[in-house]
Amino acid sequence: MSQRETERAEHQIRQRAKQALRKQMRAVREALPDSACDARSQAITRRILELDELEEASTVLAFASIRNEVRTRSLIDAMRVSGRRVALPRVVEGGLSLHLVESLDQLVDGAFSVPELPETAPGIAPDEVEFALIPALAIDPRGYRIGYGGGYYDKLLPALSRACACAVAYDFQLIAEVPDLPFDVAVDLIVTDSRVIRTE
């Protein structure tokens, strides 16, 4: 087997492993009762609000959570009350555009049924973001994550040139090693309901 064939085979193995982990972790997370999601999300919110990395940030990227993801609404509210600008992503032409929250009542169902701001909401450039919350289905201590498979955040992360990228996940979503691929981008920080991990 040539070097190229070996690399292709390794790539396919890692892709299949990621797909299996994605399916497994979605099932585990969806089995969580609402009360557990609420309690774990509150613990994550407290940890994030205490971060030195957030203290200096005036513009923050968040995400509107769906189903049993880490609940972000109270965190978004707290960051806006503190005077920070908070942006949310919109799916556009295979990528993400960033728009400032004027009111969470503006949210509408967007791509993949993820709540998004309308396209008329004020936009910002990725390099304006100083702290970014990144969703994850699974993540390892190096900062490599498994998302939903669209690669949207892996495309966005390099453009967040001034931001501390912080993945949020429940503690059981932290795994020993994600089978990362060449296009995957690691985050700087991981916050779960029981710990904070700085990956640098």
C-alpha atoms as a PDB file:
ATOM      1  CA  MET A   1       0.000   0.000   0.000  1.00  0.00           C
ATOM      2  CA  SER A   2       1.391   3.397  -1.003  1.00  0.00           C
ATOM      3  CA  GLN A   3       1.776   6.336   1.389  1.00  0.00           C
ATOM      4  CA  ARG A   4      -1.200   8.046  -0.252  1.00  0.00           C
ATOM      5  CA  GLU A   5      -3.392   4.951   0.077  1.00  0.00           C
ATOM      6  CA  THR A   6      -2.369   4.574   3.736  1.00  0.00           C
ATOM      7  CA  GLU A   7      -3.288   8.198   4.431  1.00  0.00           C
ATOM      8  CA  ARG A   8      -6.624   7.792   2.646  1.00  0.00           C
ATOM      9  CA  ALA A   9      -7.425   4.665   4.659  1.00  0.00           C
ATOM     10  CA  GLU A  10      -6.496   6.430   7.920  1.00  0.00           C
ATOM     11  CA  HIS A  11      -8.706   9.373   6.950  1.00  0.00           C
ATOM     12  CA  GLN A  12     -11.673   7.063   6.297  1.00  0.00           C
ATOM     13  CA  ILE A  13     -11.179   5.252   9.621  1.00  0.00           C
ATOM     14  CA  ARG A  14     -11.128   8.566  11.486  1.00  0.00           C
ATOM     15  CA  GLN A  15     -14.213   9.790   9.628  1.00  0.00           C
ATOM     16  CA  ARG A  16     -16.129   6.623  10.555  1.00  0.00           C
ATOM     17  CA  ALA A  17     -14.962   6.882  14.172  1.00  0.00           C
ATOM     18  CA  LYS A  18     -16.174  10.497  14.330  1.00  0.00           C
ATOM     19  CA  GLN A  19     -19.554   9.535  12.885  1.00  0.00           C
ATOM     20  CA  ALA A  20     -19.950   6.753  15.453  1.00  0.00           C
ATOM     21  CA  LEU A  21     -18.969   9.076  18.323  1.00  0.00           C
ATOM     22  CA  ARG A  22     -21.341  11.755  17.027  1.00  0.00           C
ATOM     23  CA  LYS A  23     -24.254   9.311  16.982  1.00  0.00           C
ATOM     24  CA  GLN A  24     -23.395   7.871  20.398  1.00  0.00           C
ATOM     25  CA  MET A  25     -22.967  11.234  22.107  1.00  0.00           C
ATOM     26  CA  ARG A  26     -26.170  12.651  20.641  1.00  0.00           C
ATOM     27  CA  ALA A  27     -28.072   9.679  22.016  1.00  0.00           C
ATOM     28  CA  VAL A  28     -26.536  10.022  25.486  1.00  0.00           C
ATOM     29  CA  ARG A  29     -27.152  13.765  25.598  1.00  0.00           C
ATOM     30  CA  GLU A  30     -30.730  13.472  24.368  1.00  0.00           C
ATOM     31  CA  ALA A  31     -31.437  11.006  27.184  1.00  0.00           C
ATOM     32  CA  LEU A  32     -30.644  13.652  29.824  1.00  0.00           C
ATOM     33  CA  PRO A  33     -33.720  14.891  31.702  1.00  0.00           C
ATOM     34  CA  ASP A  34     -34.433  18.626  31.514  1.00  0.00           C
ATOM     35  CA  SER A  35     -33.586  19.070  35.181  1.00  0.00           C
ATOM     36  CA  ALA A  36     -30.083  17.668  34.627  1.00  0.00           C
ATOM     37  CA  CYS A  37     -29.548  19.893  31.560  1.00  0.00           C
ATOM     38  CA  ASP A  38     -30.647  22.923  33.573  1.00  0.00           C
ATOM     39  CA  ALA A  39     -28.424  22.141  36.570  1.00  0.00           C
ATOM     40  CA  ARG A  40     -25.350  21.349  34.460  1.00  0.00           C
ATOM     41  CA  SER A  41     -25.909  24.411  32.268  1.00  0.00           C
ATOM     42  CA  GLN A  42     -26.171  26.660  35.326  1.00  0.00           C
ATOM     43  CA  ALA A  43     -22.831  25.314  36.588  1.00  0.00           C
ATOM     44  CA  ILE A  44     -21.239  25.983  33.181  1.00  0.00           C
ATOM     45  CA  THR A  45     -22.693  29.507  33.111  1.00  0.00           C
ATOM     46  CA  ARG A  46     -21.191  30.264  36.535  1.00  0.00           C
ATOM     47  CA  ARG A  47     -17.766  28.995  35.472  1.00  0.00           C
ATOM     48  CA  ILE A  48     -17.781  31.033  32.263  1.00  0.00           C
ATOM     49  CA  LEU A  49     -18.794  34.253  34.016  1.00  0.00           C
ATOM     50  CA  GLU A  50     -15.795  33.829  36.345  1.00  0.00           C
ATOM     51  CA  LEU A  51     -13.229  33.396  33.536  1.00  0.00           C
ATOM     52  CA  ASP A  52     -10.372  35.870  33.237  1.00  0.00           C
ATOM     53  CA  GLU A  53     -10.569  35.366  29.461  1.00  0.00           C
ATOM     54  CA  LEU A  54     -14.119  36.727  29.447  1.00  0.00           C
ATOM     55  CA  GLU A  55     -13.327  39.625  31.763  1.00  0.00           C
ATOM     56  CA  GLU A  56     -11.429  41.524  29.063  1.00  0.00           C
ATOM     57  CA  ALA A  57     -13.901  40.816  26.244  1.00  0.00           C
ATOM     58  CA  SER A  58     -16.349  43.474  25.112  1.00  0.00           C
ATOM     59  CA  THR A  59     -17.648  41.547  22.071  1.00  0.00           C
ATOM     60  CA  VAL A  60     -18.685  37.924  22.509  1.00  0.00           C
ATOM     61  CA  LEU A  61     -19.904  35.278  20.089  1.00  0.00           C
ATOM     62  CA  ALA A  62     -22.485  32.906  21.573  1.00  0.00           C
ATOM     63  CA  PHE A  63     -24.907  30.385  20.099  1.00  0.00           C
ATOM     64  CA  ALA A  64     -28.603  29.751  20.632  1.00  0.00           C
ATOM     65  CA  SER A  65     -28.886  26.258  22.074  1.00  0.00           C
ATOM     66  CA  ILE A  66     -31.237  23.570  20.789  1.00  0.00           C
ATOM     67  CA  ARG A  67     -32.642  20.426  22.347  1.00  0.00           C
ATOM     68  CA  ASN A  68     -30.309  19.223  25.120  1.00  0.00           C
ATOM     69  CA  GLU A  69     -27.300  21.372  24.273  1.00  0.00           C
ATOM     70  CA  VAL A  70     -25.775  23.437  27.060  1.00  0.00           C
ATOM     71  CA  ARG A  71     -28.451  26.062  27.728  1.00  0.00           C
ATOM     72  CA  THR A  72     -27.085  29.462  26.748  1.00  0.00           C
ATOM     73  CA  ARG A  73     -29.971  31.887  27.184  1.00  0.00           C
ATOM     74  CA  SER A  74     -29.187  32.951  30.758  1.00  0.00           C
ATOM     75  CA  LEU A  75     -25.499  33.299  29.857  1.00  0.00           C
ATOM     76  CA  ILE A  76     -26.354  35.510  26.876  1.00  0.00           C
ATOM     77  CA  ASP A  77     -28.624  37.613  29.101  1.00  0.00           C
ATOM     78  CA  ALA A  78     -25.891  37.966  31.756  1.00  0.00           C
ATOM     79  CA  MET A  79     -23.290  39.039  29.192  1.00  0.00           C
ATOM     80  CA  ARG A  80     -25.644  41.618  27.669  1.00  0.00           C
ATOM     81  CA  VAL A  81     -26.569  42.990  31.100  1.00  0.00           C
ATOM     82  CA  SER A  82     -22.847  43.444  31.787  1.00  0.00           C
ATOM     83  CA  GLY A  83     -22.662  45.738  28.746  1.00  0.00           C
ATOM     84  CA  ARG A  84     -21.018  43.359  26.290  1.00  0.00           C
ATOM     85  CA  ARG A  85     -21.990  43.125  22.643  1.00  0.00           C
ATOM     86  CA  VAL A  86     -23.216  39.585  21.981  1.00  0.00           C
ATOM     87  CA  ALA A  87     -23.352  38.123  18.485  1.00  0.00           C
ATOM     88  CA  LEU A  88     -24.964  34.922  17.212  1.00  0.00           C
ATOM     89  CA  PRO A  89     -24.144  33.013  14.015  1.00  0.00           C
ATOM     90  CA  ARG A  90     -26.333  32.603  10.946  1.00  0.00           C
ATOM     91  CA  VAL A  91     -25.761  29.890   8.343  1.00  0.00           C
ATOM     92  CA  VAL A  92     -25.052  31.492   4.959  1.00  0.00           C
ATOM     93  CA  GLU A  93     -23.728  29.821   1.798  1.00  0.00           C
ATOM     94  CA  GLY A  94     -21.933  27.054   3.608  1.00  0.00           C
ATOM     95  CA  GLY A  95     -20.431  29.333   6.262  1.00  0.00           C
ATOM     96  CA  LEU A  96     -21.461  31.468   9.229  1.00  0.00           C
ATOM     97  CA  SER A  97     -22.154  35.207   9.378  1.00  0.00           C
ATOM     98  CA  LEU A  98     -22.216  36.955  12.758  1.00  0.00           C
ATOM     99  CA  HIS A  99     -25.032  39.263  13.891  1.00  0.00           C
ATOM    100  CA  LEU A 100     -25.516  41.315  17.049  1.00  0.00           C
ATOM    101  CA  VAL A 101     -28.323  40.479  19.457  1.00  0.00           C
ATOM    102  CA  GLU A 102     -30.683  43.394  19.970  1.00  0.00           C
ATOM    103  CA  SER A 103     -33.366  41.161  21.500  1.00  0.00           C
ATOM    104  CA  LEU A 104     -33.590  37.386  21.863  1.00  0.00           C
ATOM    105  CA  ASP A 105     -37.258  37.760  20.922  1.00  0.00           C
ATOM    106  CA  GLN A 106     -35.974  38.270  17.358  1.00  0.00           C
ATOM    107  CA  LEU A 107     -34.841  34.643  17.076  1.00  0.00           C
ATOM    108  CA  VAL A 108     -36.420  32.601  14.285  1.00  0.00           C
ATOM    109  CA  ASP A 109     -35.879  29.004  13.162  1.00  0.00           C
ATOM    110  CA  GLY A 110     -32.928  28.968  10.795  1.00  0.00           C
ATOM    111  CA  ALA A 111     -30.881  26.265   9.108  1.00  0.00           C
ATOM    112  CA  PHE A 112     -31.191  22.822  10.760  1.00  0.00           C
ATOM    113  CA  SER A 113     -33.927  24.345  13.033  1.00  0.00           C
ATOM    114  CA  VAL A 114     -31.248  26.265  14.977  1.00  0.00           C
ATOM    115  CA  PRO A 115     -32.577  29.609  16.284  1.00  0.00           C
ATOM    116  CA  GLU A 116     -30.991  32.500  14.392  1.00  0.00           C
ATOM    117  CA  LEU A 117     -31.308  36.254  14.254  1.00  0.00           C
ATOM    118  CA  PRO A 118     -32.891  37.683  11.102  1.00  0.00           C
ATOM    119  CA  GLU A 119     -30.490  38.647   8.319  1.00  0.00           C
ATOM    120  CA  THR A 120     -31.426  42.298   8.961  1.00  0.00           C
ATOM    121  CA  ALA A 121     -29.744  42.173  12.402  1.00  0.00           C
ATOM    122  CA  PRO A 122     -26.511  44.233  12.487  1.00  0.00           C
ATOM    123  CA  GLY A 123     -23.545  42.201  11.289  1.00  0.00           C
ATOM    124  CA  ILE A 124     -20.007  42.170  12.653  1.00  0.00           C
ATOM    125  CA  ALA A 125     -16.695  40.853  11.343  1.00  0.00           C
ATOM    126  CA  PRO A 126     -15.168  37.762  12.974  1.00  0.00           C
ATOM    127  CA  ASP A 127     -12.073  39.724  14.027  1.00  0.00           C
ATOM    128  CA  GLU A 128     -14.254  41.922  16.265  1.00  0.00           C
ATOM    129  CA  VAL A 129     -14.995  38.936  18.526  1.00  0.00           C
ATOM    130  CA  GLU A 130     -12.836  38.660  21.658  1.00  0.00           C
ATOM    131  CA  PHE A 131     -14.442  35.615  23.277  1.00  0.00           C
ATOM    132  CA  ALA A 132     -16.336  32.886  21.423  1.00  0.00           C
ATOM    133  CA  LEU A 133     -18.594  30.151  22.785  1.00  0.00           C
ATOM    134  CA  ILE A 134     -18.386  27.041  20.618  1.00  0.00           C
ATOM    135  CA  PRO A 135     -20.827  24.107  20.867  1.00  0.00           C
ATOM    136  CA  ALA A 136     -19.534  20.521  20.984  1.00  0.00           C
ATOM    137  CA  LEU A 137     -21.004  17.031  20.935  1.00  0.00           C
ATOM    138  CA  ALA A 138     -17.704  15.618  22.190  1.00  0.00           C
ATOM    139  CA  ILE A 139     -14.327  17.159  22.925  1.00  0.00           C
ATOM    140  CA  ASP A 140     -10.898  16.044  24.094  1.00  0.00           C
ATOM    141  CA  PRO A 141      -8.407  17.779  26.415  1.00  0.00           C
ATOM    142  CA  ARG A 142      -6.407  19.023  23.408  1.00  0.00           C
ATOM    143  CA  GLY A 143      -9.408  21.101  22.327  1.00  0.00           C
ATOM    144  CA  TYR A 144     -10.445  19.033  19.314  1.00  0.00           C
ATOM    145  CA  ARG A 145     -14.212  18.714  19.113  1.00  0.00           C
ATOM    146  CA  ILE A 146     -16.911  16.813  17.307  1.00  0.00           C
ATOM    147  CA  GLY A 147     -19.814  18.948  16.116  1.00  0.00           C
ATOM    148  CA  TYR A 148     -22.781  18.078  13.960  1.00  0.00           C
ATOM    149  CA  GLY A 149     -20.653  17.369  10.902  1.00  0.00           C
ATOM    150  CA  GLY A 150     -21.102  20.512   8.815  1.00  0.00           C
ATOM    151  CA  GLY A 151     -17.661  21.929   9.580  1.00  0.00           C
ATOM    152  CA  TYR A 152     -19.090  25.433  10.075  1.00  0.00           C
ATOM    153  CA  TYR A 153     -17.100  26.236  13.201  1.00  0.00           C
ATOM    154  CA  ASP A 154     -13.882  24.734  11.826  1.00  0.00           C
ATOM    155  CA  LYS A 155     -14.204  27.234   8.950  1.00  0.00           C
ATOM    156  CA  LEU A 156     -15.046  30.112  11.308  1.00  0.00           C
ATOM    157  CA  LEU A 157     -12.434  29.548  14.039  1.00  0.00           C
ATOM    158  CA  PRO A 158      -9.368  30.669  12.014  1.00  0.00           C
ATOM    159  CA  ALA A 159     -11.193  33.952  11.239  1.00  0.00           C
ATOM    160  CA  LEU A 160     -11.737  34.634  14.961  1.00  0.00           C
ATOM    161  CA  SER A 161      -8.207  35.963  15.077  1.00  0.00           C
ATOM    162  CA  ARG A 162      -8.576  37.974  18.318  1.00  0.00           C
ATOM    163  CA  ALA A 163     -10.887  35.616  20.176  1.00  0.00           C
ATOM    164  CA  CYS A 164     -10.425  33.085  22.931  1.00  0.00           C
ATOM    165  CA  ALA A 165     -12.409  30.132  21.574  1.00  0.00           C
ATOM    166  CA  CYS A 166     -14.224  28.374  24.420  1.00  0.00           C
ATOM    167  CA  ALA A 167     -16.055  25.101  23.857  1.00  0.00           C
ATOM    168  CA  VAL A 168     -18.886  24.307  26.254  1.00  0.00           C
ATOM    169  CA  ALA A 169     -20.040  20.768  26.976  1.00  0.00           C
ATOM    170  CA  TYR A 170     -21.326  18.571  29.756  1.00  0.00           C
ATOM    171  CA  ASP A 171     -18.563  16.764  31.584  1.00  0.00           C
ATOM    172  CA  PHE A 172     -19.509  13.353  30.152  1.00  0.00           C
ATOM    173  CA  GLN A 173     -18.877  14.763  26.658  1.00  0.00           C
ATOM    174  CA  LEU A 174     -15.172  15.096  27.441  1.00  0.00           C
ATOM    175  CA  ILE A 175     -13.466  12.052  25.904  1.00  0.00           C
ATOM    176  CA  ALA A 176      -9.842  10.861  25.861  1.00  0.00           C
ATOM    177  CA  GLU A 177      -9.174  11.660  22.204  1.00  0.00           C
ATOM    178  CA  VAL A 178     -11.187  12.917  19.242  1.00  0.00           C
ATOM    179  CA  PRO A 179     -10.075  11.338  15.947  1.00  0.00           C
ATOM    180  CA  ASP A 180      -9.144  14.709  14.452  1.00  0.00           C
ATOM    181  CA  LEU A 181      -8.674  15.339  10.746  1.00  0.00           C
ATOM    182  CA  PRO A 182      -6.430  17.880   8.959  1.00  0.00           C
ATOM    183  CA  PHE A 183      -9.207  20.484   8.628  1.00  0.00           C
ATOM    184  CA  ASP A 184     -10.212  20.319  12.326  1.00  0.00           C
ATOM    185  CA  VAL A 185      -9.346  23.340  14.486  1.00  0.00           C
ATOM    186  CA  ALA A 186      -8.782  23.098  18.245  1.00  0.00           C
ATOM    187  CA  VAL A 187     -10.296  25.540  20.739  1.00  0.00           C
ATOM    188  CA  ASP A 188      -8.348  27.395  23.434  1.00  0.00           C
ATOM    189  CA  LEU A 189     -10.540  26.589  26.396  1.00  0.00           C
ATOM    190  CA  ILE A 190     -13.071  23.973  27.503  1.00  0.00           C
ATOM    191  CA  VAL A 191     -15.704  24.591  30.159  1.00  0.00           C
ATOM    192  CA  THR A 192     -17.852  21.759  31.516  1.00  0.00           C
ATOM    193  CA  ASP A 193     -20.102  21.598  34.541  1.00  0.00           C
ATOM    194  CA  SER A 194     -17.196  20.358  36.686  1.00  0.00           C
ATOM    195  CA  ARG A 195     -13.964  21.779  35.234  1.00  0.00           C
ATOM    196  CA  VAL A 196     -12.134  24.339  33.120  1.00  0.00           C
ATOM    197  CA  ILE A 197      -9.386  23.118  30.781  1.00  0.00           C
ATOM    198  CA  ARG A 198      -6.963  25.462  29.037  1.00  0.00           C
ATOM    199  CA  THR A 199      -5.605  23.659  26.020  1.00  0.00           C
ATOM    200  CA  GLU A 200      -2.588  25.870  25.233  1.00  0.00           C
END
